[in-house]
Structures are given as structure tokens and as C-alpha cells.
């Protein structure tokens, strides 16, 4: 089991992922990683360089909040299963 994964060194804090649970790739080749311990989804480019995060990093069910995300589901258009465009 991977407990912590330092995927890149370009951003020491935001680029570190604790307890990675799921990986997905977008149509554009970005790599998305669910990071439940930090309540967010982290996005890297093809070279594993941190680009941005989805979610505030705070636990919750409000806007821009996740409560320990453990899975990622995307279709070829970058939409979630509920057919909502994932904004990033």
C-alpha cells in the first residue's frame, strides 16, 4: 500500500499526495489523483508536474469540498457520471 507519494518536486506542498486512492487520465493526457487524506483531487501534467487541485482541501459537502474522495469516473468528454462538466 502506498501511504505517501511525492509525484514531483515543482511544488513541495501541493504536489505531494497522501494515501492516493484512484488515478484517471483526461482526454488531454492530464493525470488526476484522488487524495482522500487531504480531501481533494490533484491534477498533474504528463510529466507528473503539479498543475492544480480540485477542491478546497477541507472536508465537507459544500461547494469545492470533498469528504475523502476515493474514486474518479470520467468519460471521454471530461464529464462525471452525473453528466456535469468537471470545472478546472
Protein backbone atom coordinates (compact mmCIF):
# COMPACT_ATOMS: atom_id res chain seq x y z
CA UNK A 1 0.00 0.00 0.00
CA UNK A 2 1.30 3.42 -0.94
CA UNK A 3 0.94 5.77 2.01
CA UNK A 4 2.53 8.89 0.58
CA UNK A 5 3.59 9.68 -2.92
CA UNK A 6 5.79 12.61 -3.88
CA UNK A 7 4.98 12.81 -7.55
CA UNK A 8 7.01 15.88 -8.33
CA UNK A 9 9.30 18.47 -6.85
CA UNK A 10 7.97 21.63 -8.54
CA UNK A 11 5.58 22.37 -5.70
CA UNK A 12 6.62 20.84 -2.39
CA UNK A 13 3.21 21.14 -0.70
CA UNK A 14 0.54 20.95 -3.40
CA UNK A 15 2.36 18.32 -5.45
CA UNK A 16 2.55 15.82 -2.60
CA UNK A 17 -0.22 13.24 -2.40
CA UNK A 18 -1.02 11.32 0.77
CA UNK A 19 -2.85 8.00 0.53
CA UNK A 20 -3.56 8.04 -3.23
CA UNK A 21 -6.72 6.05 -3.93
CA UNK A 22 -7.57 6.41 -7.61
CA UNK A 23 -5.98 7.57 -10.83
CA UNK A 24 -7.59 8.70 -14.07
CA UNK A 25 -6.33 10.31 -17.23
CA UNK A 26 -8.14 13.03 -19.12
CA UNK A 27 -8.57 13.32 -22.86
CA UNK A 28 -5.71 15.83 -22.84
CA UNK A 29 -3.33 13.45 -21.05
CA UNK A 30 -3.54 15.02 -17.60
CA UNK A 31 -3.30 12.65 -14.65
CA UNK A 32 -5.89 13.03 -11.90
CA UNK A 33 -5.34 11.51 -8.46
CA UNK A 34 -7.85 11.24 -5.61
CA UNK A 35 -6.18 12.31 -2.36
CA UNK A 36 -8.68 11.44 0.41
CA UNK A 37 -6.42 12.36 3.30
CA UNK A 38 -6.21 15.94 2.01
CA UNK A 39 -9.84 15.99 0.73
CA UNK A 40 -9.00 16.90 -2.86
CA UNK A 41 -8.26 15.71 -6.37
CA UNK A 42 -4.82 16.63 -7.66
CA UNK A 43 -4.07 17.13 -11.36
CA UNK A 44 -0.64 16.64 -12.94
CA UNK A 45 0.56 17.02 -16.49
CA UNK A 46 2.05 14.13 -18.49
CA UNK A 47 5.44 14.67 -16.85
CA UNK A 48 3.90 14.43 -13.35
CA UNK A 49 4.32 18.14 -12.73
CA UNK A 50 1.61 19.58 -10.47
CA UNK A 51 -0.91 21.75 -12.35
CA UNK A 52 -3.79 22.38 -9.94
CA UNK A 53 -6.12 20.81 -7.42
CA UNK A 54 -9.87 20.37 -7.46
CA UNK A 55 -11.45 21.01 -4.09
CA UNK A 56 -10.52 23.33 -1.28
CA UNK A 57 -8.60 20.72 0.72
CA UNK A 58 -11.18 20.99 3.51
CA UNK A 59 -13.52 18.13 4.37
CA UNK A 60 -17.18 18.77 3.67
CA UNK A 61 -20.06 18.50 1.25
CA UNK A 62 -20.28 22.14 0.20
CA UNK A 63 -19.07 23.81 -2.96
CA UNK A 64 -15.42 22.97 -3.71
CA UNK A 65 -15.30 20.45 -0.85
CA UNK A 66 -14.76 16.70 -0.79
CA UNK A 67 -15.03 14.27 2.07
CA UNK A 68 -12.23 11.77 1.47
CA UNK A 69 -12.65 11.14 -2.29
CA UNK A 70 -11.64 7.58 -3.16
CA UNK A 71 -12.63 7.17 -6.80
CA UNK A 72 -12.65 9.04 -10.10
CA UNK A 73 -15.01 8.50 -13.02
CA UNK A 74 -14.63 10.45 -16.26
CA UNK A 75 -15.91 9.87 -19.73
CA UNK A 76 -14.14 10.86 -22.93
CA UNK A 77 -15.55 14.39 -22.68
CA UNK A 78 -14.26 15.05 -19.17
CA UNK A 79 -17.71 14.74 -17.63
CA UNK A 80 -18.65 12.93 -14.45
CA UNK A 81 -21.18 10.13 -14.28
CA UNK A 82 -23.91 12.66 -13.40
CA UNK A 83 -23.16 14.41 -16.71
CA UNK A 84 -21.83 17.53 -15.01
CA UNK A 85 -18.82 19.17 -16.57
CA UNK A 86 -15.84 18.98 -14.26
CA UNK A 87 -14.55 22.52 -13.99
CA UNK A 88 -10.82 23.03 -13.76
